[in-house]
Amino acid sequence: MMEILQGNNKFYVGNEASPDAEITFQPSGDAIVIDHTYTDPKLRGQGIAKQLVERAVDYAREHNLKIVPLCPYARVVMERDPEMQSLIK
């Protein structure tokens, strides 16, 4: 598992300014809006994007927030996981 770091409204792998993978979100009242997930092509297929979604879900739980998954990938991951579904706003 790669180290997932927290940046300004995002979680990422690698360098914050030029990440190898990232998930970005915006605070919105009692929720965070996940608007983008990216994984460098050389790292795809390793489950990194899913780990990023899981980290964002953990963050939301830690802060008692719901999630608006505008990013299509994040929405699919959350809708397929019964434990994540309850956080979808």
Protein backbone atom coordinates (compact mmCIF):
# COMPACT_ATOMS: atom_id res chain seq x y z
CA MET A 1 0.00 0.00 0.00
CA MET A 2 1.33 3.43 -0.92
CA GLU A 3 1.39 6.22 1.65
CA ILE A 4 -1.65 8.48 1.30
CA LEU A 5 -0.96 12.03 2.43
CA GLN A 6 -3.40 14.81 3.25
CA GLY A 7 -3.12 18.12 1.44
CA ASN A 8 -5.34 21.16 1.04
CA ASN A 9 -8.80 19.68 0.33
CA LYS A 10 -7.26 16.51 -1.07
CA PHE A 11 -5.56 13.23 -0.35
CA TYR A 12 -2.68 12.27 -2.60
CA VAL A 13 0.22 9.93 -3.32
CA GLY A 14 3.62 11.35 -4.21
CA ASN A 15 4.30 15.08 -4.46
CA GLU A 16 1.41 17.41 -3.54
CA ALA A 17 2.18 19.85 -6.37
CA SER A 18 2.37 17.05 -8.95
CA PRO A 19 0.77 13.95 -7.40
CA ASP A 20 0.97 10.43 -8.80
CA ALA A 21 -2.63 9.97 -7.62
CA GLU A 22 -5.14 12.20 -5.87
CA ILE A 23 -8.72 12.68 -4.79
CA THR A 24 -9.94 16.25 -4.37
CA PHE A 25 -12.92 17.57 -2.47
CA GLN A 26 -14.55 20.81 -1.40
CA PRO A 27 -16.21 21.43 1.98
CA SER A 28 -19.93 22.19 1.68
CA GLY A 29 -21.78 22.66 4.96
CA ASP A 30 -22.21 19.24 6.59
CA ALA A 31 -20.59 17.44 3.66
CA ILE A 32 -17.59 17.20 1.40
CA VAL A 33 -18.02 17.21 -2.35
CA ILE A 34 -15.62 14.78 -4.04
CA ASP A 35 -15.04 16.34 -7.44
CA HIS A 36 -12.03 14.53 -8.91
CA THR A 37 -10.02 11.33 -8.67
CA TYR A 38 -6.83 10.82 -10.66
CA THR A 39 -4.24 8.06 -10.89
CA ASP A 40 -1.19 8.29 -13.14
CA PRO A 41 -1.46 5.69 -15.93
CA LYS A 42 1.70 3.92 -14.73
CA LEU A 43 0.03 3.23 -11.35
CA ARG A 44 -3.42 2.21 -12.55
CA GLY A 45 -4.77 -1.23 -11.75
CA GLN A 46 -3.21 -1.32 -8.27
CA GLY A 47 -6.27 -0.20 -6.32
CA ILE A 48 -4.81 3.20 -5.44
CA ALA A 49 -7.89 5.18 -6.51
CA LYS A 50 -10.09 2.98 -4.32
CA GLN A 51 -7.72 3.55 -1.38
CA LEU A 52 -8.07 7.29 -1.96
CA VAL A 53 -11.87 7.02 -1.87
CA GLU A 54 -11.61 4.97 1.33
CA ARG A 55 -9.38 7.63 2.88
CA ALA A 56 -11.87 10.38 1.95
CA VAL A 57 -14.66 8.27 3.49
CA ASP A 58 -12.60 7.85 6.68
CA TYR A 59 -12.06 11.62 6.76
CA ALA A 60 -15.80 12.24 6.40
CA ARG A 61 -16.56 9.78 9.20
CA GLU A 62 -13.93 11.35 11.49
CA HIS A 63 -15.55 14.75 10.98
CA ASN A 64 -19.21 13.60 10.98
CA LEU A 65 -19.68 14.68 7.37
CA LYS A 66 -21.69 13.28 4.48
CA ILE A 67 -20.23 12.94 0.96
CA VAL A 68 -21.53 14.25 -2.34
CA PRO A 69 -19.62 12.09 -4.86
CA LEU A 70 -19.68 14.21 -8.03
CA CYS A 71 -16.70 12.25 -9.34
CA PRO A 72 -18.16 9.28 -11.23
CA TYR A 73 -15.46 6.89 -9.97
CA ALA A 74 -16.02 7.84 -6.32
CA ARG A 75 -19.80 7.48 -6.78
CA VAL A 76 -19.45 3.93 -8.18
CA VAL A 77 -17.08 2.85 -5.38
CA MET A 78 -19.38 4.27 -2.71
CA GLU A 79 -22.58 2.87 -4.22
CA ARG A 80 -21.07 -0.64 -4.38
CA ASP A 81 -19.98 -0.66 -0.73
CA PRO A 82 -22.85 -0.99 1.79
CA GLU A 83 -20.73 0.60 4.54
CA MET A 84 -20.09 3.69 2.39
CA GLN A 85 -23.64 4.08 1.06
CA SER A 86 -24.89 5.63 4.31
CA LEU A 87 -22.50 8.56 3.84
CA ILE A 88 -23.82 9.55 0.41
CA LYS A 89 -25.75 12.79 0.57
